Structures are given as C-alpha cells and as structure tokens.
Amino acid sequence: MYFYIKALHIIFVVTWFAGLFYLPRLFIYNTEAGEKEPVERDILRRQFEIMMKRLWYGITWPSAILTLALGTTVMLLGDWDKILFKPEGRWFLFKWIFLLGLFAYHFSLHAIFKQEMKGVFRYSSNQLRIWNEVATVFLFAIVFLVVVKQSISLIWGLGGLICLVILLMLAIRIYRKLRENKS
C-alpha cells in the first residue's frame, strides 16, 4: 500500500507544479492583454479569467491538498518522521523547509489570482515572469534533496540553487531584450 500512496503523491506533485507553472503565465498574458484595444482586451481577459479559475480551483488547489495529505501519509507509513531531526534525516528536514516555502509561494499566487479576478493588476508582465520562476527553484531544490539525500552538501546545494537563479534571471533579461528588439 505504501508504494501506491507514494506513487499517487508523486502524481499530485506533478499536477500541482503544472498549475504553479501555468497560472503565472496566465497572469502575464492577462496583464499584457491590458495593452490591447478595449474590445480585444475585454475578450481576452474574460477568457483568461475562465482559464485561471478552472486551473486554480480545478487542478492546482486540489493537487496541493492531495500532495500534502499523501506526502504526510508516506512520511508516517515510511517512518520518515522518526529520523527528521537525526543526521540521516537532515535532507528530509530541508525538504520540509522548502515545502513550507513552496506553500508560501502558492498562497502568494492565490493573492495575485484574487487581485486579477477583481481587475487589479499590480505587477508588470516582467515582474510576473520573474515570479513565475520561483516554482522552478523550489522544484530543483526539492527534487535534488529527494534524489541525492545525504550525498549533497549544503554548500554545493546552495551554490547550485544560486547558479540556477542567476541563469533564470539571465534568460528573462535576454527574453525581454529580444521582445524589445522585435517591437
């Protein structure tokens, strides 16, 4: 039974991340729709609103809840909770820290979602592009912790994350320059 629950946990992690990756893209498109003519803008924003609601409430939220419930079950059935504060469980403690950060990110997306549903656009498309990459950083950190466990050192792990952030920011900057040159 343990492996079935673990498999379901992984499946819902994937669907949760799908929502965390796609919703900010919809925020970007919805924000950029404001630059269109009023008729086109209104049509686009109505469509994006439908897409965001379905994604957020139909996929992302249920997946987040099921990920947490199934992950907690895997932890208890696998006795991972018993080594959490021991040296061999340090990776698992760090995973939980990143998981808390991921839920904070999830709630920040919920706040932006609520704002956009009310027609409030506080962030530029470039700011949203940067915010979109936060889920990528969490995904890398959590997957590496789960796969390599004790094999990774704190210094190399943090160094790798910092390099990833630099590469992501560089990619966003290059993309912005390409868009500006195209305009």
N, C-alpha and C. Protein backbone atom coordinates (compact mmCIF):
# COMPACT_ATOMS: atom_id res chain seq x y z
N MET A 1 0.82 -1.21 0.00
CA MET A 1 0.00 0.00 0.00
C MET A 1 0.86 1.26 0.00
N TYR A 2 2.00 1.19 0.69
CA TYR A 2 2.90 2.33 0.81
C TYR A 2 3.31 2.86 -0.56
N PHE A 3 3.68 1.97 -1.48
CA PHE A 3 4.17 2.40 -2.80
C PHE A 3 3.05 2.98 -3.67
N TYR A 4 1.83 2.51 -3.48
CA TYR A 4 0.70 3.08 -4.22
C TYR A 4 0.45 4.52 -3.76
N ILE A 5 0.50 4.69 -2.46
CA ILE A 5 0.29 6.04 -1.91
C ILE A 5 1.43 6.96 -2.33
N LYS A 6 2.66 6.44 -2.33
CA LYS A 6 3.81 7.23 -2.76
C LYS A 6 3.68 7.61 -4.24
N ALA A 7 3.24 6.68 -5.07
CA ALA A 7 3.03 6.96 -6.50
C ALA A 7 1.98 8.06 -6.69
N LEU A 8 0.88 7.96 -5.95
CA LEU A 8 -0.15 8.99 -6.02
C LEU A 8 0.39 10.34 -5.56
N HIS A 9 1.20 10.33 -4.51
CA HIS A 9 1.83 11.56 -4.02
C HIS A 9 2.65 12.21 -5.14
N ILE A 10 3.46 11.43 -5.82
CA ILE A 10 4.30 11.96 -6.90
C ILE A 10 3.43 12.50 -8.04
N ILE A 11 2.38 11.79 -8.39
CA ILE A 11 1.47 12.25 -9.45
C ILE A 11 0.87 13.60 -9.10
N PHE A 12 0.42 13.77 -7.85
CA PHE A 12 -0.19 15.04 -7.48
C PHE A 12 0.84 16.16 -7.30
N VAL A 13 2.08 15.80 -6.99
CA VAL A 13 3.16 16.80 -7.01
C VAL A 13 3.30 17.35 -8.42
N VAL A 14 3.28 16.45 -9.40
CA VAL A 14 3.43 16.86 -10.80
C VAL A 14 2.26 17.76 -11.23
N THR A 15 1.04 17.38 -10.89
CA THR A 15 -0.10 18.20 -11.30
C THR A 15 -0.13 19.54 -10.55
N TRP A 16 0.32 19.53 -9.30
CA TRP A 16 0.40 20.79 -8.54
C TRP A 16 1.40 21.73 -9.21
N PHE A 17 2.57 21.20 -9.55
CA PHE A 17 3.57 22.03 -10.21
C PHE A 17 3.09 22.50 -11.58
N ALA A 18 2.33 21.69 -12.27
CA ALA A 18 1.79 22.13 -13.56
C ALA A 18 0.97 23.41 -13.35
N GLY A 19 0.15 23.41 -12.32
CA GLY A 19 -0.63 24.61 -12.02
C GLY A 19 0.23 25.77 -11.59
N LEU A 20 1.26 25.49 -10.77
CA LEU A 20 2.15 26.56 -10.30
C LEU A 20 2.97 27.16 -11.44
N PHE A 21 3.25 26.37 -12.47
CA PHE A 21 3.98 26.89 -13.62
C PHE A 21 3.06 27.65 -14.58
N TYR A 22 1.85 27.15 -14.76
CA TYR A 22 0.98 27.73 -15.79
C TYR A 22 0.21 28.95 -15.31
N LEU A 23 -0.21 28.99 -14.05
CA LEU A 23 -1.01 30.12 -13.59
C LEU A 23 -0.27 31.46 -13.73
N PRO A 24 0.99 31.56 -13.34
CA PRO A 24 1.68 32.84 -13.55
C PRO A 24 1.79 33.22 -15.03
N ARG A 25 1.88 32.22 -15.92
CA ARG A 25 1.87 32.53 -17.35
C ARG A 25 0.55 33.19 -17.72
N LEU A 26 -0.55 32.68 -17.18
CA LEU A 26 -1.86 33.29 -17.44
C LEU A 26 -1.92 34.70 -16.85
N PHE A 27 -1.29 34.91 -15.69
CA PHE A 27 -1.21 36.26 -15.12
C PHE A 27 -0.51 37.20 -16.10
N ILE A 28 0.59 36.72 -16.68
CA ILE A 28 1.36 37.52 -17.63
C ILE A 28 0.50 37.87 -18.84
N TYR A 29 -0.16 36.87 -19.41
CA TYR A 29 -1.00 37.11 -20.59
C TYR A 29 -2.15 38.04 -20.26
N ASN A 30 -2.73 37.88 -19.08
CA ASN A 30 -3.84 38.71 -18.66
C ASN A 30 -3.38 40.16 -18.48
N THR A 31 -2.20 40.33 -17.91
CA THR A 31 -1.63 41.67 -17.72
C THR A 31 -1.34 42.31 -19.07
N GLU A 32 -0.73 41.54 -19.96
CA GLU A 32 -0.40 42.07 -21.29
C GLU A 32 -1.63 42.34 -22.13
N ALA A 33 -2.74 41.69 -21.83
CA ALA A 33 -3.98 41.97 -22.55
C ALA A 33 -4.42 43.41 -22.33
N GLY A 34 -3.99 44.00 -21.22
CA GLY A 34 -4.33 45.40 -20.94
C GLY A 34 -3.74 46.37 -21.94
N GLU A 35 -2.77 45.93 -22.72
CA GLU A 35 -2.14 46.78 -23.74
C GLU A 35 -2.91 46.74 -25.06
N LYS A 36 -3.92 45.88 -25.15
CA LYS A 36 -4.68 45.71 -26.39
C LYS A 36 -5.81 46.76 -26.45
N GLU A 37 -6.44 46.83 -27.62
CA GLU A 37 -7.61 47.69 -27.79
C GLU A 37 -8.72 47.19 -26.86
N PRO A 38 -9.62 48.07 -26.40
CA PRO A 38 -10.62 47.68 -25.40
C PRO A 38 -11.45 46.44 -25.74
N VAL A 39 -11.88 46.30 -26.98
CA VAL A 39 -12.70 45.13 -27.33
C VAL A 39 -11.89 43.84 -27.20
N GLU A 40 -10.68 43.85 -27.78
CA GLU A 40 -9.81 42.68 -27.71
C GLU A 40 -9.40 42.40 -26.27
N ARG A 41 -9.07 43.45 -25.52
CA ARG A 41 -8.67 43.31 -24.12
C ARG A 41 -9.78 42.63 -23.32
N ASP A 42 -11.01 43.08 -23.48
CA ASP A 42 -12.13 42.52 -22.71
C ASP A 42 -12.38 41.06 -23.05
N ILE A 43 -12.29 40.71 -24.33
CA ILE A 43 -12.48 39.32 -24.74
C ILE A 43 -11.38 38.44 -24.14
N LEU A 44 -10.13 38.89 -24.26
CA LEU A 44 -9.01 38.13 -23.73
C LEU A 44 -9.12 37.96 -22.22
N ARG A 45 -9.44 39.04 -21.53
CA ARG A 45 -9.49 38.96 -20.07
C ARG A 45 -10.62 38.06 -19.59
N ARG A 46 -11.75 38.05 -20.29
CA ARG A 46 -12.82 37.12 -19.91
C ARG A 46 -12.36 35.67 -20.08
N GLN A 47 -11.67 35.41 -21.19
CA GLN A 47 -11.18 34.05 -21.43
C GLN A 47 -10.11 33.65 -20.42
N PHE A 48 -9.17 34.55 -20.12
CA PHE A 48 -8.14 34.25 -19.14
C PHE A 48 -8.73 34.03 -17.75
N GLU A 49 -9.77 34.78 -17.43
CA GLU A 49 -10.44 34.59 -16.13
C GLU A 49 -11.01 33.19 -16.01
N ILE A 50 -11.66 32.71 -17.06
CA ILE A 50 -12.21 31.35 -17.06
C ILE A 50 -11.08 30.33 -16.91
N MET A 51 -10.02 30.51 -17.69
CA MET A 51 -8.89 29.57 -17.66
C MET A 51 -8.24 29.56 -16.28
N MET A 52 -8.04 30.74 -15.69
CA MET A 52 -7.39 30.81 -14.38
C MET A 52 -8.24 30.16 -13.30
N LYS A 53 -9.55 30.40 -13.32
CA LYS A 53 -10.43 29.78 -12.31
C LYS A 53 -10.41 28.26 -12.41
N ARG A 54 -10.50 27.75 -13.62
CA ARG A 54 -10.51 26.29 -13.81
C ARG A 54 -9.19 25.68 -13.38
N LEU A 55 -8.09 26.32 -13.77
CA LEU A 55 -6.78 25.80 -13.40
C LEU A 55 -6.58 25.85 -11.90
N TRP A 56 -6.89 26.99 -11.30
CA TRP A 56 -6.60 27.20 -9.88
C TRP A 56 -7.46 26.33 -8.98
N TYR A 57 -8.78 26.36 -9.23
CA TYR A 57 -9.69 25.62 -8.35
C TYR A 57 -9.90 24.16 -8.77
N GLY A 58 -9.69 23.87 -10.04
CA GLY A 58 -9.93 22.51 -10.53
C GLY A 58 -8.70 21.62 -10.51
N ILE A 59 -7.51 22.21 -10.57
CA ILE A 59 -6.29 21.41 -10.63
C ILE A 59 -5.31 21.77 -9.52
N THR A 60 -4.96 23.05 -9.44
CA THR A 60 -3.84 23.43 -8.56
C THR A 60 -4.17 23.26 -7.09
N TRP A 61 -5.27 23.81 -6.63
CA TRP A 61 -5.63 23.67 -5.20
C TRP A 61 -5.85 22.22 -4.80
N PRO A 62 -6.68 21.46 -5.56
CA PRO A 62 -6.85 20.04 -5.17
C PRO A 62 -5.54 19.27 -5.17
N SER A 63 -4.66 19.55 -6.14
CA SER A 63 -3.37 18.86 -6.19
C SER A 63 -2.49 19.21 -5.00
N ALA A 64 -2.52 20.48 -4.59
CA ALA A 64 -1.72 20.90 -3.43
C ALA A 64 -2.19 20.18 -2.17
N ILE A 65 -3.49 20.11 -2.00
CA ILE A 65 -4.06 19.45 -0.81
C ILE A 65 -3.75 17.96 -0.82
N LEU A 66 -3.93 17.32 -1.98
CA LEU A 66 -3.65 15.88 -2.07
C LEU A 66 -2.16 15.59 -1.93
N THR A 67 -1.31 16.47 -2.46
CA THR A 67 0.14 16.31 -2.29
C THR A 67 0.49 16.31 -0.81
N LEU A 68 -0.05 17.27 -0.09
CA LEU A 68 0.24 17.37 1.35
C LEU A 68 -0.30 16.16 2.11
N ALA A 69 -1.53 15.78 1.83
CA ALA A 69 -2.14 14.65 2.55
C ALA A 69 -1.42 13.34 2.25
N LEU A 70 -1.16 13.09 0.98
CA LEU A 70 -0.49 11.84 0.60
C LEU A 70 0.97 11.84 1.04
N GLY A 71 1.63 12.99 0.95
CA GLY A 71 3.02 13.09 1.41
C GLY A 71 3.15 12.85 2.89
N THR A 72 2.23 13.38 3.66
CA THR A 72 2.23 13.15 5.11
C THR A 72 2.00 11.67 5.40
N THR A 73 1.11 11.04 4.65
CA THR A 73 0.85 9.61 4.82
C THR A 73 2.09 8.79 4.48
N VAL A 74 2.78 9.15 3.39
CA VAL A 74 4.02 8.45 3.02
C VAL A 74 5.05 8.63 4.12
N MET A 75 5.15 9.83 4.66
CA MET A 75 6.12 10.09 5.73
C MET A 75 5.83 9.20 6.95
N LEU A 76 4.58 9.13 7.34
CA LEU A 76 4.23 8.34 8.53
C LEU A 76 4.35 6.83 8.29
N LEU A 77 3.88 6.37 7.12
CA LEU A 77 3.98 4.94 6.81
C LEU A 77 5.43 4.50 6.62
N GLY A 78 6.27 5.40 6.11
CA GLY A 78 7.67 5.07 5.88
C GLY A 78 8.56 5.38 7.07
N ASP A 79 7.97 5.80 8.17
CA ASP A 79 8.70 6.14 9.39
C ASP A 79 9.73 7.24 9.18
N TRP A 80 9.52 8.09 8.18
CA TRP A 80 10.45 9.20 7.92
C TRP A 80 10.40 10.22 9.06
N ASP A 81 9.27 10.31 9.72
CA ASP A 81 9.13 11.28 10.81
C ASP A 81 10.07 10.96 11.98
N LYS A 82 10.48 9.70 12.09
CA LYS A 82 11.35 9.29 13.20
C LYS A 82 12.81 9.72 13.01
N ILE A 83 13.21 10.01 11.76
CA ILE A 83 14.61 10.41 11.53
C ILE A 83 14.74 11.90 11.16
N LEU A 84 13.63 12.62 11.22
CA LEU A 84 13.60 14.01 10.76
C LEU A 84 14.70 14.87 11.38
N PHE A 85 14.96 14.71 12.67
CA PHE A 85 15.94 15.55 13.35
C PHE A 85 17.26 14.83 13.61
N LYS A 86 17.47 13.71 12.94
CA LYS A 86 18.74 12.98 13.04
C LYS A 86 19.60 13.32 11.82
N PRO A 87 20.91 13.09 11.90
CA PRO A 87 21.77 13.43 10.76
C PRO A 87 21.33 12.81 9.43
N GLU A 88 20.88 11.56 9.45
CA GLU A 88 20.46 10.91 8.21
C GLU A 88 19.13 11.46 7.68
N GLY A 89 18.42 12.21 8.49
CA GLY A 89 17.15 12.80 8.07
C GLY A 89 17.24 14.28 7.77
N ARG A 90 18.46 14.83 7.80
CA ARG A 90 18.63 16.27 7.58
C ARG A 90 18.07 16.70 6.22
N TRP A 91 18.28 15.87 5.19
CA TRP A 91 17.76 16.19 3.86
C TRP A 91 16.24 16.34 3.90
N PHE A 92 15.60 15.48 4.72
CA PHE A 92 14.14 15.49 4.81
C PHE A 92 13.66 16.75 5.52
N LEU A 93 14.41 17.19 6.50
CA LEU A 93 14.09 18.44 7.19
C LEU A 93 14.18 19.62 6.21
N PHE A 94 15.25 19.64 5.41
CA PHE A 94 15.40 20.70 4.41
C PHE A 94 14.28 20.63 3.38
N LYS A 95 13.86 19.43 3.02
CA LYS A 95 12.74 19.28 2.08
C LYS A 95 11.49 19.94 2.67
N TRP A 96 11.23 19.73 3.95
CA TRP A 96 10.06 20.34 4.59
C TRP A 96 10.18 21.86 4.63
N ILE A 97 11.38 22.35 4.82
CA ILE A 97 11.58 23.81 4.81
C ILE A 97 11.25 24.37 3.42
N PHE A 98 11.76 23.69 2.37
CA PHE A 98 11.44 24.13 1.02
C PHE A 98 9.95 23.96 0.73
N LEU A 99 9.34 22.92 1.28
CA LEU A 99 7.92 22.71 1.09
C LEU A 99 7.10 23.85 1.72
N LEU A 100 7.51 24.29 2.89
CA LEU A 100 6.84 25.45 3.50
C LEU A 100 6.98 26.69 2.62
N GLY A 101 8.17 26.87 2.06
CA GLY A 101 8.37 27.98 1.12
C GLY A 101 7.50 27.84 -0.12
N LEU A 102 7.35 26.61 -0.60
CA LEU A 102 6.51 26.37 -1.77
C LEU A 102 5.05 26.70 -1.47
N PHE A 103 4.59 26.35 -0.28
CA PHE A 103 3.21 26.71 0.08
C PHE A 103 3.07 28.22 0.24
N ALA A 104 4.09 28.90 0.74
CA ALA A 104 4.05 30.37 0.81
C ALA A 104 3.93 30.94 -0.60
N TYR A 105 4.69 30.38 -1.53
CA TYR A 105 4.61 30.79 -2.94
C TYR A 105 3.20 30.52 -3.48
N HIS A 106 2.65 29.36 -3.17
CA HIS A 106 1.30 29.00 -3.59
C HIS A 106 0.30 30.06 -3.11
N PHE A 107 0.40 30.44 -1.84
CA PHE A 107 -0.52 31.44 -1.29
C PHE A 107 -0.29 32.82 -1.91
N SER A 108 0.95 33.12 -2.29
CA SER A 108 1.20 34.40 -2.97
C SER A 108 0.52 34.41 -4.34
N LEU A 109 0.54 33.27 -5.03
CA LEU A 109 -0.18 33.17 -6.30
C LEU A 109 -1.68 33.32 -6.09
N HIS A 110 -2.16 32.79 -4.99
CA HIS A 110 -3.59 32.92 -4.70
C HIS A 110 -3.95 34.40 -4.52
N ALA A 111 -3.09 35.14 -3.85
CA ALA A 111 -3.35 36.58 -3.65
C ALA A 111 -3.36 37.31 -4.99
N ILE A 112 -2.42 37.00 -5.87
CA ILE A 112 -2.39 37.63 -7.20
C ILE A 112 -3.62 37.22 -7.99
N PHE A 113 -4.00 35.95 -7.89
CA PHE A 113 -5.20 35.44 -8.56
C PHE A 113 -6.43 36.24 -8.13
N LYS A 114 -6.58 36.43 -6.82
CA LYS A 114 -7.74 37.18 -6.31
C LYS A 114 -7.73 38.62 -6.83
N GLN A 115 -6.54 39.24 -6.87
CA GLN A 115 -6.43 40.61 -7.38
C GLN A 115 -6.86 40.68 -8.84
N GLU A 116 -6.34 39.76 -9.65
CA GLU A 116 -6.66 39.79 -11.07
C GLU A 116 -8.14 39.49 -11.32
N MET A 117 -8.74 38.67 -10.48
CA MET A 117 -10.17 38.41 -10.62
C MET A 117 -10.99 39.68 -10.35
N LYS A 118 -10.43 40.58 -9.55
CA LYS A 118 -11.09 41.86 -9.25
C LYS A 118 -10.68 42.96 -10.23
N GLY A 119 -9.83 42.60 -11.21
CA GLY A 119 -9.39 43.59 -12.18
C GLY A 119 -8.24 44.46 -11.70
N VAL A 120 -7.55 44.02 -10.67
CA VAL A 120 -6.42 44.76 -10.12
C VAL A 120 -5.14 44.11 -10.64
N PHE A 121 -4.33 44.92 -11.32
CA PHE A 121 -3.07 44.42 -11.91
C PHE A 121 -1.92 45.23 -11.32
N ARG A 122 -1.35 44.71 -10.25
CA ARG A 122 -0.30 45.42 -9.51
C ARG A 122 1.10 45.17 -10.04
N TYR A 123 1.26 44.13 -10.86
CA TYR A 123 2.60 43.74 -11.28
C TYR A 123 2.72 43.83 -12.80
N SER A 124 3.90 44.20 -13.24
CA SER A 124 4.16 44.23 -14.69
C SER A 124 4.35 42.80 -15.18
N SER A 125 4.28 42.64 -16.48
CA SER A 125 4.49 41.29 -17.03
C SER A 125 5.91 40.81 -16.75
N ASN A 126 6.87 41.73 -16.71
CA ASN A 126 8.25 41.33 -16.41
C ASN A 126 8.38 40.87 -14.96
N GLN A 127 7.75 41.57 -14.02
CA GLN A 127 7.77 41.14 -12.62
C GLN A 127 7.13 39.77 -12.47
N LEU A 128 6.06 39.54 -13.20
CA LEU A 128 5.38 38.24 -13.14
C LEU A 128 6.24 37.14 -13.77
N ARG A 129 7.00 37.47 -14.80
CA ARG A 129 7.92 36.49 -15.40
C ARG A 129 8.96 36.04 -14.37
N ILE A 130 9.47 37.00 -13.63
CA ILE A 130 10.45 36.66 -12.59
C ILE A 130 9.79 35.81 -11.51
N TRP A 131 8.61 36.21 -11.08
CA TRP A 131 7.90 35.47 -10.03
C TRP A 131 7.54 34.06 -10.52
N ASN A 132 7.30 33.91 -11.81
CA ASN A 132 6.98 32.61 -12.39
C ASN A 132 8.11 31.60 -12.18
N GLU A 133 9.34 32.08 -12.10
CA GLU A 133 10.49 31.18 -11.98
C GLU A 133 10.74 30.68 -10.56
N VAL A 134 10.05 31.24 -9.59
CA VAL A 134 10.23 30.80 -8.21
C VAL A 134 9.88 29.32 -8.06
N ALA A 135 8.83 28.89 -8.73
CA ALA A 135 8.44 27.47 -8.66
C ALA A 135 9.55 26.58 -9.21
N THR A 136 10.26 27.06 -10.22
CA THR A 136 11.37 26.29 -10.80
C THR A 136 12.46 26.06 -9.75
N VAL A 137 12.78 27.09 -9.00
CA VAL A 137 13.81 26.99 -7.96
C VAL A 137 13.38 25.97 -6.90
N PHE A 138 12.12 26.06 -6.47
CA PHE A 138 11.62 25.09 -5.48
C PHE A 138 11.64 23.67 -6.04
N LEU A 139 11.26 23.51 -7.29
CA LEU A 139 11.27 22.18 -7.90
C LEU A 139 12.67 21.59 -7.91
N PHE A 140 13.65 22.36 -8.36
CA PHE A 140 15.03 21.88 -8.38
C PHE A 140 15.49 21.50 -6.98
N ALA A 141 15.25 22.38 -6.02
CA ALA A 141 15.72 22.12 -4.65
C ALA A 141 15.10 20.85 -4.08
N ILE A 142 13.81 20.70 -4.21
CA ILE A 142 13.12 19.56 -3.61
C ILE A 142 13.50 18.26 -4.31
N VAL A 143 13.53 18.26 -5.63
CA VAL A 143 13.87 17.02 -6.35
C VAL A 143 15.30 16.60 -6.04
N PHE A 144 16.24 17.55 -6.04
CA PHE A 144 17.61 17.18 -5.73
C PHE A 144 17.73 16.64 -4.30
N LEU A 145 17.04 17.24 -3.36
CA LEU A 145 17.08 16.74 -1.99
C LEU A 145 16.54 15.32 -1.90
N VAL A 146 15.44 15.05 -2.57
CA VAL A 146 14.83 13.73 -2.51
C VAL A 146 15.70 12.68 -3.20
N VAL A 147 16.30 13.04 -4.30
CA VAL A 147 17.06 12.05 -5.06
C VAL A 147 18.45 11.80 -4.47
N VAL A 148 19.18 12.84 -4.11
CA VAL A 148 20.55 12.63 -3.66
C VAL A 148 20.68 12.53 -2.15
N LYS A 149 19.67 12.91 -1.42
CA LYS A 149 19.62 12.83 0.04
C LYS A 149 20.92 13.32 0.70
N GLN A 150 21.63 12.48 1.41
CA GLN A 150 22.83 12.90 2.14
C GLN A 150 24.03 13.16 1.23
N SER A 151 23.96 12.76 -0.02
CA SER A 151 25.12 12.90 -0.90
C SER A 151 25.45 14.34 -1.23
N ILE A 152 24.50 15.23 -1.04
CA ILE A 152 24.72 16.63 -1.40
C ILE A 152 25.13 17.43 -0.16
N SER A 153 26.09 18.30 -0.35
CA SER A 153 26.48 19.15 0.77
C SER A 153 25.66 20.43 0.72
N LEU A 154 25.54 21.08 1.85
CA LEU A 154 24.78 22.33 1.94
C LEU A 154 25.40 23.38 1.04
N ILE A 155 26.72 23.47 1.03
CA ILE A 155 27.41 24.47 0.22
C ILE A 155 27.15 24.25 -1.28
N TRP A 156 27.33 23.00 -1.75
CA TRP A 156 27.11 22.71 -3.16
C TRP A 156 25.64 22.88 -3.54
N GLY A 157 24.76 22.49 -2.65
CA GLY A 157 23.33 22.63 -2.92
C GLY A 157 22.92 24.08 -3.06
N LEU A 158 23.34 24.91 -2.10
CA LEU A 158 23.00 26.33 -2.18
C LEU A 158 23.69 26.99 -3.37
N GLY A 159 24.94 26.59 -3.62
CA GLY A 159 25.65 27.13 -4.78
C GLY A 159 24.94 26.80 -6.08
N GLY A 160 24.46 25.57 -6.18
CA GLY A 160 23.70 25.17 -7.36
C GLY A 160 22.42 25.96 -7.53
N LEU A 161 21.72 26.20 -6.42
CA LEU A 161 20.49 27.00 -6.49
C LEU A 161 20.78 28.43 -6.89
N ILE A 162 21.85 28.99 -6.37
CA ILE A 162 22.22 30.36 -6.72
C ILE A 162 22.56 30.44 -8.21
N CYS A 163 23.30 29.46 -8.71
CA CYS A 163 23.61 29.42 -10.16
C CYS A 163 22.33 29.30 -10.99
N LEU A 164 21.40 28.48 -10.53
CA LEU A 164 20.12 28.34 -11.22
C LEU A 164 19.38 29.67 -11.28
N VAL A 165 19.33 30.37 -10.15
CA VAL A 165 18.64 31.67 -10.10
C VAL A 165 19.31 32.65 -11.07
N ILE A 166 20.64 32.68 -11.08
CA ILE A 166 21.36 33.58 -11.99
C ILE A 166 21.02 33.25 -13.44
N LEU A 167 21.02 31.96 -13.79
CA LEU A 167 20.69 31.55 -15.15
C LEU A 167 19.25 31.93 -15.53
N LEU A 168 18.32 31.74 -14.60
CA LEU A 168 16.93 32.10 -14.87
C LEU A 168 16.77 33.60 -15.07
N MET A 169 17.42 34.39 -14.24
CA MET A 169 17.34 35.85 -14.38
C MET A 169 17.97 36.31 -15.69
N LEU A 170 19.07 35.68 -16.06
CA LEU A 170 19.73 35.99 -17.33
C LEU A 170 18.81 35.66 -18.50
N ALA A 171 18.15 34.51 -18.45
CA ALA A 171 17.22 34.11 -19.51
C ALA A 171 16.06 35.10 -19.62
N ILE A 172 15.54 35.55 -18.49
CA ILE A 172 14.44 36.53 -18.51
C ILE A 172 14.92 37.84 -19.12
N ARG A 173 16.12 38.26 -18.77
CA ARG A 173 16.68 39.51 -19.31
C ARG A 173 16.88 39.39 -20.83
N ILE A 174 17.40 38.27 -21.29
CA ILE A 174 17.60 38.07 -22.72
C ILE A 174 16.26 38.06 -23.45
N TYR A 175 15.28 37.39 -22.87
CA TYR A 175 13.94 37.34 -23.48
C TYR A 175 13.36 38.75 -23.59
N ARG A 176 13.51 39.55 -22.54
CA ARG A 176 12.99 40.92 -22.56
C ARG A 176 13.67 41.73 -23.67
N LYS A 177 14.97 41.59 -23.80
CA LYS A 177 15.71 42.31 -24.86
C LYS A 177 15.23 41.88 -26.25
N LEU A 178 15.01 40.58 -26.41
CA LEU A 178 14.52 40.09 -27.71
C LEU A 178 13.13 40.66 -28.01
N ARG A 179 12.28 40.73 -27.01
CA ARG A 179 10.93 41.29 -27.21
C ARG A 179 11.00 42.77 -27.55
N GLU A 180 11.90 43.50 -26.85
CA GLU A 180 12.05 44.94 -27.13
C GLU A 180 12.57 45.17 -28.54
N ASN A 181 13.53 44.36 -28.97
CA ASN A 181 14.08 44.50 -30.32
C ASN A 181 13.06 44.15 -31.39
N LYS A 182 12.17 43.21 -31.07
CA LYS A 182 11.14 42.81 -32.01
C LYS A 182 10.08 43.89 -32.19
N SER A 183 9.85 44.67 -31.14
CA SER A 183 8.80 45.70 -31.19
C SER A 183 9.16 46.88 -32.02
